[in-house]
Amino acid sequence: MLQINTMPDHLHMLIGFRPDENMSQLIQVVKSESTKFINDHHFAHRKFSWQEGFGAFSYSKSHVPDVIRYIQNQEQHHLKQTFLEEYVAFLKAFDIEYNEHYIFKELID
C-alpha cells in the first residue's frame, strides 16, 4: 500500500501490484474485510456495504509521486469535480469503453 484516502462515496488506493496477481481477488478481500471492520465497529449509521464493481487503473513508476499527491488532495479536488465526473474522465482518459447503466450509483443518505 503506497497511499490511500477516503471520501464519503469512494476511496482511492495506490498499491504496488505484480502482473501475475489477481486484482479482482484483492478488491474482494479489501471490500469484505473493510465491510466487516466498519460494521463490527459501528462506523456507519446503518449496515455498511460496498457497491458492486470497482475501477482499477495502472500507472508507471515515474507517475507514483503525482498519483500520491492526487490521492492526498481528494477533498480539495472534489470541490471542483464530483466523483462521478472524475470517474468518467478516468474512463475516457484511459480509453475504456463503458455503458453508463453500469456505472456506480450516487451516494444516497
N, C-alpha and C. Protein backbone atom coordinates (compact mmCIF):
# COMPACT_ATOMS: atom_id res chain seq x y z
N MET A 1 0.86 -1.16 0.00
CA MET A 1 0.00 0.00 0.00
C MET A 1 0.91 1.23 0.00
N LEU A 2 0.77 2.04 -1.03
CA LEU A 2 1.57 3.25 -1.13
C LEU A 2 0.83 4.48 -0.64
N GLN A 3 -0.49 4.52 -0.88
CA GLN A 3 -1.31 5.66 -0.46
C GLN A 3 -2.77 5.25 -0.47
N ILE A 4 -3.53 5.78 0.47
CA ILE A 4 -4.98 5.56 0.49
C ILE A 4 -5.63 6.83 1.05
N ASN A 5 -6.81 7.15 0.54
CA ASN A 5 -7.57 8.28 1.06
C ASN A 5 -9.04 8.00 0.76
N THR A 6 -9.89 8.35 1.69
CA THR A 6 -11.31 8.07 1.54
C THR A 6 -12.12 9.36 1.45
N MET A 7 -13.23 9.23 0.77
CA MET A 7 -14.25 10.27 0.70
C MET A 7 -15.55 9.60 1.10
N PRO A 8 -16.62 10.35 1.32
CA PRO A 8 -17.87 9.70 1.73
C PRO A 8 -18.41 8.67 0.74
N ASP A 9 -18.11 8.83 -0.55
CA ASP A 9 -18.69 7.93 -1.55
C ASP A 9 -17.68 7.07 -2.30
N HIS A 10 -16.40 7.12 -1.95
CA HIS A 10 -15.40 6.32 -2.64
C HIS A 10 -14.06 6.40 -1.92
N LEU A 11 -13.14 5.57 -2.39
CA LEU A 11 -11.77 5.70 -1.90
C LEU A 11 -10.81 5.50 -3.06
N HIS A 12 -9.63 6.08 -2.88
CA HIS A 12 -8.54 5.88 -3.82
C HIS A 12 -7.44 5.14 -3.06
N MET A 13 -6.89 4.14 -3.71
CA MET A 13 -5.86 3.32 -3.08
C MET A 13 -4.78 3.08 -4.14
N LEU A 14 -3.55 3.42 -3.82
CA LEU A 14 -2.43 3.16 -4.72
C LEU A 14 -1.62 2.02 -4.12
N ILE A 15 -1.47 0.98 -4.89
CA ILE A 15 -0.75 -0.20 -4.42
C ILE A 15 0.29 -0.61 -5.45
N GLY A 16 1.34 -1.26 -4.97
CA GLY A 16 2.27 -1.92 -5.87
C GLY A 16 1.68 -3.29 -6.19
N PHE A 17 1.68 -3.66 -7.44
CA PHE A 17 0.96 -4.86 -7.85
C PHE A 17 1.75 -5.57 -8.94
N ARG A 18 1.96 -6.86 -8.78
CA ARG A 18 2.65 -7.65 -9.80
C ARG A 18 1.68 -8.08 -10.89
N PRO A 19 2.15 -8.20 -12.13
CA PRO A 19 1.25 -8.58 -13.23
C PRO A 19 0.60 -9.95 -13.06
N ASP A 20 1.21 -10.84 -12.29
CA ASP A 20 0.63 -12.18 -12.12
C ASP A 20 -0.36 -12.26 -10.97
N GLU A 21 -0.60 -11.15 -10.27
CA GLU A 21 -1.57 -11.13 -9.18
C GLU A 21 -2.96 -10.83 -9.73
N ASN A 22 -4.00 -11.19 -8.98
CA ASN A 22 -5.37 -11.06 -9.42
C ASN A 22 -6.04 -9.86 -8.74
N MET A 23 -6.31 -8.82 -9.52
CA MET A 23 -6.90 -7.59 -8.99
C MET A 23 -8.28 -7.85 -8.38
N SER A 24 -9.11 -8.63 -9.04
CA SER A 24 -10.46 -8.89 -8.52
C SER A 24 -10.41 -9.56 -7.15
N GLN A 25 -9.49 -10.50 -6.97
CA GLN A 25 -9.37 -11.16 -5.67
C GLN A 25 -8.91 -10.18 -4.59
N LEU A 26 -7.97 -9.31 -4.94
CA LEU A 26 -7.51 -8.30 -3.98
C LEU A 26 -8.66 -7.39 -3.56
N ILE A 27 -9.41 -6.89 -4.53
CA ILE A 27 -10.53 -5.99 -4.22
C ILE A 27 -11.59 -6.71 -3.40
N GLN A 28 -11.83 -7.97 -3.69
CA GLN A 28 -12.80 -8.75 -2.90
C GLN A 28 -12.36 -8.81 -1.44
N VAL A 29 -11.09 -9.05 -1.18
CA VAL A 29 -10.58 -9.11 0.19
C VAL A 29 -10.69 -7.74 0.85
N VAL A 30 -10.29 -6.69 0.14
CA VAL A 30 -10.37 -5.33 0.70
C VAL A 30 -11.81 -4.98 1.06
N LYS A 31 -12.74 -5.26 0.16
CA LYS A 31 -14.14 -4.93 0.43
C LYS A 31 -14.71 -5.77 1.57
N SER A 32 -14.46 -7.06 1.57
CA SER A 32 -15.05 -7.90 2.61
C SER A 32 -14.47 -7.59 3.99
N GLU A 33 -13.16 -7.43 4.06
CA GLU A 33 -12.53 -7.15 5.37
C GLU A 33 -12.91 -5.76 5.87
N SER A 34 -12.95 -4.77 4.99
CA SER A 34 -13.31 -3.42 5.43
C SER A 34 -14.79 -3.35 5.81
N THR A 35 -15.65 -4.06 5.11
CA THR A 35 -17.07 -4.10 5.47
C THR A 35 -17.25 -4.68 6.86
N LYS A 36 -16.58 -5.78 7.12
CA LYS A 36 -16.65 -6.41 8.44
C LYS A 36 -16.16 -5.45 9.52
N PHE A 37 -15.02 -4.79 9.28
CA PHE A 37 -14.44 -3.86 10.25
C PHE A 37 -15.39 -2.69 10.52
N ILE A 38 -15.90 -2.10 9.46
CA ILE A 38 -16.81 -0.95 9.61
C ILE A 38 -18.07 -1.34 10.37
N ASN A 39 -18.66 -2.48 10.03
CA ASN A 39 -19.88 -2.91 10.71
C ASN A 39 -19.62 -3.36 12.15
N ASP A 40 -18.51 -4.07 12.39
CA ASP A 40 -18.18 -4.50 13.76
C ASP A 40 -17.95 -3.32 14.69
N HIS A 41 -17.43 -2.22 14.15
CA HIS A 41 -17.13 -1.04 14.97
C HIS A 41 -18.21 0.04 14.88
N HIS A 42 -19.30 -0.26 14.17
CA HIS A 42 -20.46 0.64 14.06
C HIS A 42 -20.05 2.04 13.57
N PHE A 43 -19.21 2.09 12.54
CA PHE A 43 -18.77 3.37 11.98
C PHE A 43 -19.81 3.98 11.05
N ALA A 44 -20.83 3.24 10.67
CA ALA A 44 -21.89 3.75 9.79
C ALA A 44 -23.20 3.76 10.56
N HIS A 45 -24.10 4.64 10.17
CA HIS A 45 -25.39 4.77 10.84
C HIS A 45 -26.30 3.58 10.59
N ARG A 46 -26.03 2.85 9.53
CA ARG A 46 -26.77 1.64 9.20
C ARG A 46 -25.76 0.62 8.70
N LYS A 47 -26.24 -0.58 8.35
CA LYS A 47 -25.33 -1.62 7.88
C LYS A 47 -24.60 -1.14 6.63
N PHE A 48 -23.28 -1.22 6.66
CA PHE A 48 -22.44 -0.76 5.56
C PHE A 48 -22.21 -1.88 4.56
N SER A 49 -22.20 -1.53 3.28
CA SER A 49 -21.77 -2.46 2.24
C SER A 49 -21.27 -1.65 1.06
N TRP A 50 -20.32 -2.21 0.34
CA TRP A 50 -19.79 -1.60 -0.87
C TRP A 50 -20.72 -1.89 -2.04
N GLN A 51 -20.71 -1.01 -3.03
CA GLN A 51 -21.41 -1.31 -4.27
C GLN A 51 -20.62 -2.38 -5.03
N GLU A 52 -21.28 -3.02 -5.98
CA GLU A 52 -20.58 -3.98 -6.82
C GLU A 52 -19.60 -3.25 -7.72
N GLY A 53 -18.56 -3.96 -8.11
CA GLY A 53 -17.62 -3.43 -9.08
C GLY A 53 -16.56 -2.54 -8.47
N PHE A 54 -15.62 -2.15 -9.33
CA PHE A 54 -14.53 -1.26 -8.94
C PHE A 54 -13.86 -0.76 -10.21
N GLY A 55 -13.06 0.27 -10.07
CA GLY A 55 -12.23 0.75 -11.18
C GLY A 55 -10.78 0.60 -10.78
N ALA A 56 -9.97 0.15 -11.71
CA ALA A 56 -8.53 -0.01 -11.46
C ALA A 56 -7.78 0.54 -12.66
N PHE A 57 -6.80 1.35 -12.39
CA PHE A 57 -6.01 1.99 -13.43
C PHE A 57 -4.54 1.81 -13.11
N SER A 58 -3.73 1.62 -14.13
CA SER A 58 -2.30 1.42 -13.89
C SER A 58 -1.51 2.67 -14.26
N TYR A 59 -0.41 2.85 -13.57
CA TYR A 59 0.47 3.99 -13.79
C TYR A 59 1.91 3.50 -13.81
N SER A 60 2.75 4.21 -14.49
CA SER A 60 4.16 3.86 -14.49
C SER A 60 4.80 4.35 -13.19
N LYS A 61 5.93 3.76 -12.86
CA LYS A 61 6.63 4.11 -11.63
C LYS A 61 6.96 5.60 -11.57
N SER A 62 7.24 6.20 -12.72
CA SER A 62 7.58 7.62 -12.74
C SER A 62 6.41 8.52 -12.35
N HIS A 63 5.18 8.01 -12.43
CA HIS A 63 4.00 8.80 -12.06
C HIS A 63 3.60 8.65 -10.60
N VAL A 64 4.24 7.76 -9.87
CA VAL A 64 3.84 7.47 -8.48
C VAL A 64 3.78 8.72 -7.61
N PRO A 65 4.80 9.60 -7.60
CA PRO A 65 4.69 10.80 -6.75
C PRO A 65 3.47 11.67 -7.08
N ASP A 66 3.15 11.82 -8.37
CA ASP A 66 1.98 12.61 -8.76
C ASP A 66 0.69 11.95 -8.32
N VAL A 67 0.61 10.64 -8.45
CA VAL A 67 -0.60 9.92 -8.04
C VAL A 67 -0.77 10.01 -6.52
N ILE A 68 0.30 9.90 -5.78
CA ILE A 68 0.23 10.04 -4.31
C ILE A 68 -0.30 11.41 -3.94
N ARG A 69 0.23 12.47 -4.55
CA ARG A 69 -0.26 13.84 -4.26
C ARG A 69 -1.75 13.96 -4.63
N TYR A 70 -2.12 13.41 -5.76
CA TYR A 70 -3.51 13.45 -6.19
C TYR A 70 -4.42 12.78 -5.16
N ILE A 71 -4.03 11.61 -4.68
CA ILE A 71 -4.84 10.90 -3.69
C ILE A 71 -4.89 11.67 -2.38
N GLN A 72 -3.78 12.26 -1.97
CA GLN A 72 -3.74 13.02 -0.72
C GLN A 72 -4.65 14.25 -0.76
N ASN A 73 -4.89 14.79 -1.94
CA ASN A 73 -5.65 16.03 -2.08
C ASN A 73 -7.08 15.82 -2.57
N GLN A 74 -7.68 14.69 -2.25
CA GLN A 74 -9.02 14.38 -2.72
C GLN A 74 -10.07 15.39 -2.27
N GLU A 75 -9.99 15.84 -1.03
CA GLU A 75 -11.01 16.76 -0.53
C GLU A 75 -11.03 18.05 -1.36
N GLN A 76 -9.87 18.62 -1.62
CA GLN A 76 -9.81 19.84 -2.43
C GLN A 76 -10.22 19.54 -3.88
N HIS A 77 -9.79 18.42 -4.39
CA HIS A 77 -10.10 18.04 -5.77
C HIS A 77 -11.61 17.94 -5.98
N HIS A 78 -12.32 17.37 -5.03
CA HIS A 78 -13.75 17.17 -5.20
C HIS A 78 -14.58 18.41 -4.91
N LEU A 79 -13.95 19.49 -4.56
CA LEU A 79 -14.66 20.77 -4.53
C LEU A 79 -14.90 21.26 -5.95
N LYS A 80 -14.06 20.79 -6.89
CA LYS A 80 -14.14 21.22 -8.29
C LYS A 80 -14.82 20.19 -9.19
N GLN A 81 -14.80 18.91 -8.80
CA GLN A 81 -15.29 17.84 -9.67
C GLN A 81 -15.87 16.73 -8.81
N THR A 82 -17.07 16.26 -9.13
CA THR A 82 -17.67 15.16 -8.37
C THR A 82 -16.95 13.86 -8.68
N PHE A 83 -17.19 12.86 -7.87
CA PHE A 83 -16.58 11.57 -8.12
C PHE A 83 -17.07 10.98 -9.44
N LEU A 84 -18.36 11.12 -9.73
CA LEU A 84 -18.89 10.60 -10.99
C LEU A 84 -18.20 11.28 -12.18
N GLU A 85 -18.06 12.59 -12.13
CA GLU A 85 -17.35 13.31 -13.21
C GLU A 85 -15.90 12.82 -13.32
N GLU A 86 -15.27 12.65 -12.18
CA GLU A 86 -13.88 12.19 -12.16
C GLU A 86 -13.76 10.78 -12.75
N TYR A 87 -14.65 9.89 -12.35
CA TYR A 87 -14.57 8.51 -12.80
C TYR A 87 -14.77 8.41 -14.31
N VAL A 88 -15.75 9.13 -14.83
CA VAL A 88 -15.99 9.13 -16.27
C VAL A 88 -14.77 9.73 -17.00
N ALA A 89 -14.17 10.75 -16.42
CA ALA A 89 -12.96 11.34 -17.03
C ALA A 89 -11.83 10.32 -17.07
N PHE A 90 -11.67 9.53 -16.00
CA PHE A 90 -10.66 8.47 -15.99
C PHE A 90 -10.94 7.45 -17.10
N LEU A 91 -12.19 7.02 -17.21
CA LEU A 91 -12.54 6.05 -18.24
C LEU A 91 -12.19 6.58 -19.63
N LYS A 92 -12.51 7.83 -19.86
CA LYS A 92 -12.20 8.44 -21.16
C LYS A 92 -10.70 8.60 -21.36
N ALA A 93 -9.98 9.06 -20.32
CA ALA A 93 -8.53 9.25 -20.43
C ALA A 93 -7.80 7.95 -20.71
N PHE A 94 -8.30 6.86 -20.14
CA PHE A 94 -7.68 5.55 -20.33
C PHE A 94 -8.29 4.80 -21.51
N ASP A 95 -9.17 5.49 -22.26
CA ASP A 95 -9.80 4.93 -23.46
C ASP A 95 -10.51 3.60 -23.16
N ILE A 96 -11.31 3.62 -22.08
CA ILE A 96 -12.07 2.44 -21.66
C ILE A 96 -13.53 2.63 -22.07
N GLU A 97 -14.04 1.71 -22.86
CA GLU A 97 -15.44 1.76 -23.24
C GLU A 97 -16.30 1.44 -22.02
N TYR A 98 -17.44 2.10 -21.91
CA TYR A 98 -18.32 1.85 -20.76
C TYR A 98 -19.76 2.12 -21.14
N ASN A 99 -20.66 1.55 -20.37
CA ASN A 99 -22.09 1.76 -20.50
C ASN A 99 -22.54 2.47 -19.23
N GLU A 100 -23.10 3.66 -19.36
CA GLU A 100 -23.48 4.44 -18.17
C GLU A 100 -24.44 3.69 -17.25
N HIS A 101 -25.18 2.74 -17.80
CA HIS A 101 -26.09 1.93 -16.99
C HIS A 101 -25.34 1.17 -15.89
N TYR A 102 -24.08 0.82 -16.16
CA TYR A 102 -23.31 0.00 -15.23
C TYR A 102 -22.35 0.80 -14.35
N ILE A 103 -22.37 2.10 -14.45
CA ILE A 103 -21.52 2.93 -13.59
C ILE A 103 -22.20 3.04 -12.25
N PHE A 104 -21.40 3.17 -11.20
CA PHE A 104 -21.89 3.22 -9.83
C PHE A 104 -23.06 4.18 -9.66
N LYS A 105 -23.75 4.01 -8.57
CA LYS A 105 -24.87 4.88 -8.22
C LYS A 105 -24.38 5.97 -7.28
N GLU A 106 -24.97 7.15 -7.40
CA GLU A 106 -24.62 8.25 -6.50
C GLU A 106 -24.95 7.86 -5.05
N LEU A 107 -24.19 8.37 -4.12
CA LEU A 107 -24.40 8.13 -2.70
C LEU A 107 -25.72 8.74 -2.26
N ILE A 108 -26.54 7.95 -1.59
CA ILE A 108 -27.83 8.42 -1.08
C ILE A 108 -27.80 8.32 0.44
N ASP A 109 -28.15 9.40 1.11
CA ASP A 109 -28.18 9.37 2.59
C ASP A 109 -29.35 8.61 3.10
